[in-house]
């Protein structure tokens, strides 16, 4: 019973943690480093904002995959539920064109999924395997 609870808690922590990383990264990018972006932003701002969004999404997907290593891509995909609510909030309060906000959310979503895919493809080594490998060295 405790095992199931810990598995569920870890899954929830992976999804929430992944989203918090995405949110923190985008807040840092758009409120501190680049400034608020609009359709009329300079090309430099748009490029830096896009890079920040991609890195934030990748980091969120990777964190979700690290915290819940049994099914990293699925946990990264679950982060998209929070991103969907976030996107709905932005669209409801947005002053710019809908396509601009959807494009930004799409970049985040693809990046989160790619981060989860990277973690799903990364081979995991158990601590016992690493210890046995180290012990077999002369």
N, C-alpha and C. Protein backbone atom coordinates (compact mmCIF):
# COMPACT_ATOMS: atom_id res chain seq x y z
N UNK A 1 0.82 -1.19 0.00
CA UNK A 1 0.00 0.00 0.00
C UNK A 1 0.86 1.26 0.00
N UNK A 2 1.91 1.25 0.82
CA UNK A 2 2.81 2.39 0.88
C UNK A 2 3.51 2.58 -0.46
N UNK A 3 3.85 1.48 -1.10
CA UNK A 3 4.53 1.54 -2.40
C UNK A 3 3.65 2.26 -3.44
N UNK A 4 2.37 1.93 -3.45
CA UNK A 4 1.44 2.58 -4.40
C UNK A 4 1.31 4.07 -4.10
N UNK A 5 1.23 4.40 -2.82
CA UNK A 5 1.11 5.81 -2.44
C UNK A 5 2.35 6.58 -2.88
N UNK A 6 3.53 6.01 -2.64
CA UNK A 6 4.77 6.68 -3.03
C UNK A 6 4.87 6.82 -4.55
N UNK A 7 4.43 5.80 -5.27
CA UNK A 7 4.44 5.87 -6.73
C UNK A 7 3.52 7.00 -7.21
N UNK A 8 2.33 7.09 -6.63
CA UNK A 8 1.38 8.14 -7.01
C UNK A 8 1.91 9.52 -6.63
N UNK A 9 2.49 9.62 -5.44
CA UNK A 9 3.04 10.90 -5.00
C UNK A 9 4.18 11.35 -5.90
N UNK A 10 4.99 10.40 -6.31
CA UNK A 10 6.11 10.72 -7.20
C UNK A 10 5.60 11.16 -8.57
N UNK A 11 4.54 10.54 -9.04
CA UNK A 11 3.96 10.94 -10.32
C UNK A 11 3.40 12.36 -10.26
N UNK A 12 2.69 12.65 -9.19
CA UNK A 12 2.14 14.01 -9.03
C UNK A 12 3.28 15.02 -8.91
N UNK A 13 4.30 14.67 -8.13
CA UNK A 13 5.44 15.57 -7.97
C UNK A 13 6.16 15.80 -9.30
N UNK A 14 6.24 14.78 -10.13
CA UNK A 14 6.89 14.91 -11.42
C UNK A 14 6.15 15.90 -12.32
N UNK A 15 4.84 15.77 -12.37
CA UNK A 15 4.03 16.63 -13.23
C UNK A 15 4.03 18.07 -12.70
N UNK A 16 3.79 18.23 -11.42
CA UNK A 16 3.76 19.58 -10.84
C UNK A 16 5.15 20.21 -10.91
N UNK A 17 6.17 19.44 -10.59
CA UNK A 17 7.53 19.96 -10.67
C UNK A 17 7.92 20.35 -12.09
N UNK A 18 7.56 19.54 -13.06
CA UNK A 18 7.84 19.88 -14.45
C UNK A 18 7.16 21.18 -14.85
N UNK A 19 5.90 21.33 -14.45
CA UNK A 19 5.19 22.58 -14.78
C UNK A 19 5.82 23.77 -14.07
N UNK A 20 6.20 23.61 -12.81
CA UNK A 20 6.81 24.73 -12.08
C UNK A 20 8.12 25.17 -12.72
N UNK A 21 8.87 24.22 -13.25
CA UNK A 21 10.11 24.57 -13.95
C UNK A 21 9.79 25.35 -15.22
N UNK A 22 8.78 24.91 -15.97
CA UNK A 22 8.37 25.63 -17.18
C UNK A 22 7.91 27.04 -16.81
N UNK A 23 7.08 27.15 -15.79
CA UNK A 23 6.57 28.46 -15.37
C UNK A 23 7.69 29.37 -14.91
N UNK A 24 8.59 28.85 -14.08
CA UNK A 24 9.70 29.66 -13.59
C UNK A 24 10.61 30.11 -14.74
N UNK A 25 10.86 29.20 -15.68
CA UNK A 25 11.70 29.55 -16.82
C UNK A 25 11.08 30.62 -17.71
N UNK A 26 9.79 30.51 -17.94
CA UNK A 26 9.14 31.52 -18.79
C UNK A 26 9.01 32.85 -18.05
N UNK A 27 8.76 32.81 -16.76
CA UNK A 27 8.70 34.06 -15.99
C UNK A 27 10.06 34.74 -16.01
N UNK A 28 11.10 33.96 -15.79
CA UNK A 28 12.46 34.51 -15.83
C UNK A 28 12.76 35.08 -17.21
N UNK A 29 12.39 34.35 -18.24
CA UNK A 29 12.67 34.81 -19.60
C UNK A 29 11.93 36.09 -19.94
N UNK A 30 10.63 36.09 -19.71
CA UNK A 30 9.80 37.19 -20.20
C UNK A 30 9.70 38.37 -19.24
N UNK A 31 9.95 38.18 -17.97
CA UNK A 31 9.86 39.30 -17.02
C UNK A 31 11.21 39.86 -16.62
N UNK A 32 12.27 39.08 -16.79
CA UNK A 32 13.57 39.55 -16.34
C UNK A 32 14.53 39.74 -17.51
N UNK A 33 14.69 38.74 -18.35
CA UNK A 33 15.73 38.78 -19.38
C UNK A 33 15.31 39.49 -20.66
N UNK A 34 14.15 39.18 -21.18
CA UNK A 34 13.74 39.66 -22.51
C UNK A 34 12.73 40.79 -22.42
N UNK A 35 11.83 40.73 -21.50
CA UNK A 35 10.74 41.69 -21.42
C UNK A 35 9.50 41.07 -22.05
N UNK A 36 8.37 41.70 -21.81
CA UNK A 36 7.12 41.18 -22.36
C UNK A 36 7.16 41.20 -23.88
N UNK A 37 6.72 40.13 -24.47
CA UNK A 37 6.74 40.02 -25.92
C UNK A 37 5.35 40.23 -26.49
N UNK A 38 5.31 40.93 -27.59
CA UNK A 38 4.09 41.11 -28.35
C UNK A 38 4.42 40.86 -29.81
N UNK A 39 3.42 40.94 -30.64
CA UNK A 39 3.64 40.78 -32.08
C UNK A 39 4.59 41.85 -32.60
N UNK A 40 4.59 43.00 -31.97
CA UNK A 40 5.41 44.13 -32.42
C UNK A 40 6.80 44.15 -31.79
N UNK A 41 7.18 43.12 -31.06
CA UNK A 41 8.51 43.06 -30.44
C UNK A 41 9.58 43.01 -31.51
N UNK A 42 10.78 43.41 -31.10
CA UNK A 42 11.90 43.39 -32.05
C UNK A 42 12.28 41.95 -32.37
N UNK A 43 12.92 41.73 -33.52
CA UNK A 43 13.37 40.36 -33.84
C UNK A 43 14.29 39.78 -32.77
N UNK A 44 15.13 40.62 -32.18
CA UNK A 44 16.03 40.15 -31.11
C UNK A 44 15.22 39.61 -29.93
N UNK A 45 14.18 40.36 -29.53
CA UNK A 45 13.33 39.91 -28.42
C UNK A 45 12.61 38.61 -28.77
N UNK A 46 12.11 38.52 -29.99
CA UNK A 46 11.39 37.31 -30.40
C UNK A 46 12.31 36.09 -30.40
N UNK A 47 13.52 36.25 -30.88
CA UNK A 47 14.47 35.13 -30.93
C UNK A 47 14.86 34.71 -29.51
N UNK A 48 15.23 35.69 -28.68
CA UNK A 48 15.62 35.37 -27.30
C UNK A 48 14.45 34.78 -26.51
N UNK A 49 13.26 35.29 -26.73
CA UNK A 49 12.08 34.74 -26.06
C UNK A 49 11.79 33.32 -26.48
N UNK A 50 11.95 33.04 -27.77
CA UNK A 50 11.74 31.68 -28.26
C UNK A 50 12.78 30.72 -27.69
N UNK A 51 14.03 31.16 -27.65
CA UNK A 51 15.08 30.32 -27.07
C UNK A 51 14.78 30.05 -25.59
N UNK A 52 14.36 31.08 -24.86
CA UNK A 52 14.01 30.91 -23.45
C UNK A 52 12.85 29.95 -23.26
N UNK A 53 11.84 30.06 -24.14
CA UNK A 53 10.68 29.16 -24.05
C UNK A 53 11.09 27.72 -24.33
N UNK A 54 11.92 27.51 -25.33
CA UNK A 54 12.37 26.16 -25.67
C UNK A 54 13.17 25.56 -24.51
N UNK A 55 14.09 26.34 -23.95
CA UNK A 55 14.89 25.83 -22.84
C UNK A 55 14.03 25.55 -21.60
N UNK A 56 13.04 26.41 -21.35
CA UNK A 56 12.13 26.19 -20.22
C UNK A 56 11.32 24.91 -20.42
N UNK A 57 10.80 24.72 -21.62
CA UNK A 57 10.04 23.51 -21.91
C UNK A 57 10.88 22.25 -21.80
N UNK A 58 12.08 22.30 -22.38
CA UNK A 58 12.97 21.14 -22.28
C UNK A 58 13.27 20.80 -20.82
N UNK A 59 13.58 21.83 -20.04
CA UNK A 59 13.90 21.61 -18.62
C UNK A 59 12.69 21.02 -17.88
N UNK A 60 11.50 21.49 -18.17
CA UNK A 60 10.31 20.95 -17.52
C UNK A 60 10.07 19.49 -17.87
N UNK A 61 10.25 19.14 -19.13
CA UNK A 61 10.10 17.75 -19.54
C UNK A 61 11.16 16.84 -18.94
N UNK A 62 12.38 17.34 -18.87
CA UNK A 62 13.47 16.56 -18.28
C UNK A 62 13.23 16.36 -16.79
N UNK A 63 12.81 17.40 -16.10
CA UNK A 63 12.54 17.27 -14.65
C UNK A 63 11.42 16.27 -14.41
N UNK A 64 10.36 16.34 -15.20
CA UNK A 64 9.27 15.37 -15.04
C UNK A 64 9.78 13.95 -15.25
N UNK A 65 10.68 13.76 -16.22
CA UNK A 65 11.23 12.44 -16.49
C UNK A 65 12.20 11.96 -15.43
N UNK A 66 12.91 12.87 -14.81
CA UNK A 66 13.85 12.49 -13.75
C UNK A 66 13.10 12.10 -12.48
N UNK A 67 12.08 12.87 -12.14
CA UNK A 67 11.35 12.61 -10.90
C UNK A 67 10.54 11.31 -11.01
N UNK A 68 10.01 11.02 -12.19
CA UNK A 68 9.24 9.79 -12.40
C UNK A 68 9.87 8.99 -13.53
N UNK A 69 10.93 8.26 -13.25
CA UNK A 69 11.69 7.61 -14.32
C UNK A 69 11.02 6.37 -14.93
N UNK A 70 9.95 5.85 -14.33
CA UNK A 70 9.33 4.65 -14.91
C UNK A 70 8.61 4.94 -16.21
N UNK A 71 8.04 6.11 -16.35
CA UNK A 71 7.31 6.47 -17.56
C UNK A 71 7.52 7.96 -17.83
N UNK A 72 8.76 8.33 -18.20
CA UNK A 72 9.11 9.75 -18.29
C UNK A 72 8.32 10.52 -19.35
N UNK A 73 8.07 9.91 -20.50
CA UNK A 73 7.35 10.64 -21.54
C UNK A 73 5.91 10.90 -21.13
N UNK A 74 5.29 9.94 -20.50
CA UNK A 74 3.91 10.11 -20.04
C UNK A 74 3.78 11.21 -19.00
N UNK A 75 4.76 11.29 -18.11
CA UNK A 75 4.72 12.34 -17.10
C UNK A 75 4.98 13.71 -17.73
N UNK A 76 5.87 13.75 -18.70
CA UNK A 76 6.08 15.01 -19.41
C UNK A 76 4.81 15.42 -20.16
N UNK A 77 4.13 14.45 -20.75
CA UNK A 77 2.88 14.75 -21.45
C UNK A 77 1.81 15.26 -20.49
N UNK A 78 1.82 14.77 -19.26
CA UNK A 78 0.85 15.23 -18.27
C UNK A 78 1.10 16.68 -17.88
N UNK A 79 2.33 17.16 -18.03
CA UNK A 79 2.62 18.57 -17.78
C UNK A 79 1.79 19.45 -18.71
N UNK A 80 1.44 18.91 -19.88
CA UNK A 80 0.66 19.67 -20.85
C UNK A 80 -0.74 20.01 -20.33
N UNK A 81 -1.24 19.24 -19.37
CA UNK A 81 -2.54 19.58 -18.77
C UNK A 81 -2.46 20.95 -18.08
N UNK A 82 -1.39 21.16 -17.33
CA UNK A 82 -1.20 22.46 -16.70
C UNK A 82 -0.97 23.55 -17.73
N UNK A 83 -0.22 23.22 -18.78
CA UNK A 83 0.01 24.20 -19.84
C UNK A 83 -1.28 24.57 -20.55
N UNK A 84 -2.20 23.62 -20.67
CA UNK A 84 -3.48 23.91 -21.31
C UNK A 84 -4.28 24.92 -20.48
N UNK A 85 -4.29 24.75 -19.16
CA UNK A 85 -4.97 25.72 -18.29
C UNK A 85 -4.28 27.08 -18.36
N UNK A 86 -2.97 27.06 -18.39
CA UNK A 86 -2.20 28.30 -18.50
C UNK A 86 -2.52 29.01 -19.82
N UNK A 87 -2.58 28.25 -20.90
CA UNK A 87 -2.90 28.82 -22.20
C UNK A 87 -4.30 29.41 -22.22
N UNK A 88 -5.24 28.70 -21.63
CA UNK A 88 -6.61 29.22 -21.57
C UNK A 88 -6.66 30.54 -20.81
N UNK A 89 -5.90 30.63 -19.74
CA UNK A 89 -5.84 31.87 -18.96
C UNK A 89 -5.23 33.00 -19.78
N UNK A 90 -4.16 32.71 -20.49
CA UNK A 90 -3.52 33.72 -21.33
C UNK A 90 -4.47 34.17 -22.43
N UNK A 91 -5.16 33.23 -23.05
CA UNK A 91 -6.09 33.59 -24.12
C UNK A 91 -7.26 34.41 -23.60
N UNK A 92 -7.73 34.11 -22.40
CA UNK A 92 -8.85 34.85 -21.83
C UNK A 92 -8.47 36.28 -21.48
N UNK A 93 -7.22 36.48 -21.08
CA UNK A 93 -6.78 37.81 -20.64
C UNK A 93 -5.90 38.51 -21.67
N UNK A 94 -5.58 37.82 -22.76
CA UNK A 94 -4.64 38.36 -23.73
C UNK A 94 -5.18 39.55 -24.51
N UNK A 95 -4.26 40.41 -24.87
CA UNK A 95 -4.64 41.57 -25.67
C UNK A 95 -4.15 41.45 -27.11
N UNK A 96 -3.24 40.50 -27.34
CA UNK A 96 -2.69 40.32 -28.67
C UNK A 96 -3.48 39.31 -29.47
N UNK A 97 -3.01 39.02 -30.67
CA UNK A 97 -3.71 38.03 -31.49
C UNK A 97 -3.63 36.63 -30.90
N UNK A 98 -4.68 35.87 -31.10
CA UNK A 98 -4.76 34.51 -30.55
C UNK A 98 -3.64 33.64 -31.11
N UNK A 99 -3.33 33.77 -32.39
CA UNK A 99 -2.32 32.91 -33.01
C UNK A 99 -0.96 33.09 -32.35
N UNK A 100 -0.66 34.31 -31.89
CA UNK A 100 0.63 34.58 -31.27
C UNK A 100 0.75 33.84 -29.94
N UNK A 101 -0.30 33.91 -29.12
CA UNK A 101 -0.29 33.20 -27.84
C UNK A 101 -0.30 31.68 -28.05
N UNK A 102 -1.04 31.21 -29.03
CA UNK A 102 -1.06 29.76 -29.31
C UNK A 102 0.29 29.27 -29.82
N UNK A 103 0.96 30.10 -30.61
CA UNK A 103 2.29 29.71 -31.10
C UNK A 103 3.27 29.57 -29.93
N UNK A 104 3.21 30.51 -29.01
CA UNK A 104 4.09 30.42 -27.83
C UNK A 104 3.79 29.20 -26.99
N UNK A 105 2.52 28.91 -26.79
CA UNK A 105 2.15 27.71 -26.03
C UNK A 105 2.54 26.44 -26.77
N UNK A 106 2.42 26.46 -28.08
CA UNK A 106 2.82 25.31 -28.89
C UNK A 106 4.30 25.02 -28.77
N UNK A 107 5.11 26.08 -28.76
CA UNK A 107 6.56 25.90 -28.60
C UNK A 107 6.86 25.28 -27.25
N UNK A 108 6.19 25.76 -26.21
CA UNK A 108 6.39 25.18 -24.88
C UNK A 108 5.98 23.71 -24.85
N UNK A 109 4.82 23.40 -25.43
CA UNK A 109 4.31 22.03 -25.41
C UNK A 109 5.26 21.07 -26.13
N UNK A 110 5.70 21.46 -27.31
CA UNK A 110 6.61 20.60 -28.08
C UNK A 110 7.92 20.41 -27.33
N UNK A 111 8.40 21.47 -26.71
CA UNK A 111 9.66 21.38 -25.97
C UNK A 111 9.54 20.48 -24.74
N UNK A 112 8.42 20.57 -24.04
CA UNK A 112 8.20 19.69 -22.88
C UNK A 112 8.18 18.23 -23.32
N UNK A 113 7.45 17.96 -24.39
CA UNK A 113 7.40 16.59 -24.90
C UNK A 113 8.77 16.10 -25.35
N UNK A 114 9.53 16.96 -25.97
CA UNK A 114 10.87 16.58 -26.41
C UNK A 114 11.77 16.28 -25.20
N UNK A 115 11.64 17.09 -24.14
CA UNK A 115 12.40 16.81 -22.92
C UNK A 115 12.03 15.46 -22.32
N UNK A 116 10.74 15.14 -22.31
CA UNK A 116 10.30 13.83 -21.82
C UNK A 116 10.79 12.70 -22.72
N UNK A 117 10.80 12.94 -24.02
CA UNK A 117 11.29 11.93 -24.97
C UNK A 117 12.78 11.68 -24.75
N UNK A 118 13.53 12.76 -24.51
CA UNK A 118 14.97 12.60 -24.24
C UNK A 118 15.17 11.72 -23.01
N UNK A 119 14.40 11.97 -21.96
CA UNK A 119 14.55 11.17 -20.75
C UNK A 119 14.11 9.72 -20.96
N UNK A 120 13.11 9.51 -21.82
CA UNK A 120 12.67 8.14 -22.11
C UNK A 120 13.73 7.39 -22.89
N UNK A 121 14.49 8.08 -23.70
CA UNK A 121 15.54 7.46 -24.51
C UNK A 121 16.88 7.33 -23.80
N UNK A 122 17.04 8.04 -22.68
CA UNK A 122 18.30 8.01 -21.95
C UNK A 122 18.36 6.73 -21.13
N UNK A 123 19.40 5.92 -21.35
CA UNK A 123 19.50 4.69 -20.56
C UNK A 123 19.76 4.99 -19.09
N UNK A 124 19.10 4.26 -18.24
CA UNK A 124 19.24 4.44 -16.80
C UNK A 124 20.17 3.34 -16.27
N UNK A 125 21.04 3.72 -15.39
CA UNK A 125 21.91 2.75 -14.74
C UNK A 125 21.54 2.71 -13.28
N UNK A 126 21.33 1.54 -12.78
CA UNK A 126 21.01 1.38 -11.36
C UNK A 126 22.28 1.55 -10.54
N UNK A 127 22.11 1.97 -9.32
CA UNK A 127 23.25 2.17 -8.43
C UNK A 127 24.00 0.85 -8.22
N UNK A 128 23.27 -0.26 -8.18
CA UNK A 128 23.94 -1.55 -7.99
C UNK A 128 24.79 -1.91 -9.21
N UNK A 129 24.33 -1.56 -10.40
CA UNK A 129 25.11 -1.82 -11.62
C UNK A 129 26.37 -0.98 -11.64
N UNK A 130 26.26 0.28 -11.22
CA UNK A 130 27.41 1.16 -11.21
C UNK A 130 28.43 0.68 -10.19
N UNK A 131 27.96 0.26 -9.02
CA UNK A 131 28.86 -0.26 -7.98
C UNK A 131 29.56 -1.54 -8.42
N UNK A 132 28.83 -2.43 -9.09
CA UNK A 132 29.43 -3.66 -9.56
C UNK A 132 30.46 -3.39 -10.64
N UNK A 133 30.16 -2.41 -11.51
CA UNK A 133 31.10 -2.05 -12.58
C UNK A 133 32.36 -1.45 -11.98
N UNK A 134 32.22 -0.61 -10.97
CA UNK A 134 33.37 0.03 -10.33
C UNK A 134 34.19 -1.01 -9.57
N UNK A 135 33.55 -2.01 -8.97
CA UNK A 135 34.26 -3.03 -8.21
C UNK A 135 35.03 -3.96 -9.12
N UNK A 136 34.60 -4.11 -10.36
CA UNK A 136 35.30 -5.03 -11.26
C UNK A 136 36.54 -4.41 -11.89
N UNK A 137 36.75 -3.12 -11.70
CA UNK A 137 37.95 -2.47 -12.23
C UNK A 137 39.16 -2.88 -11.40
N UNK A 138 40.33 -2.99 -12.06
CA UNK A 138 41.54 -3.35 -11.29
C UNK A 138 42.04 -2.24 -10.41
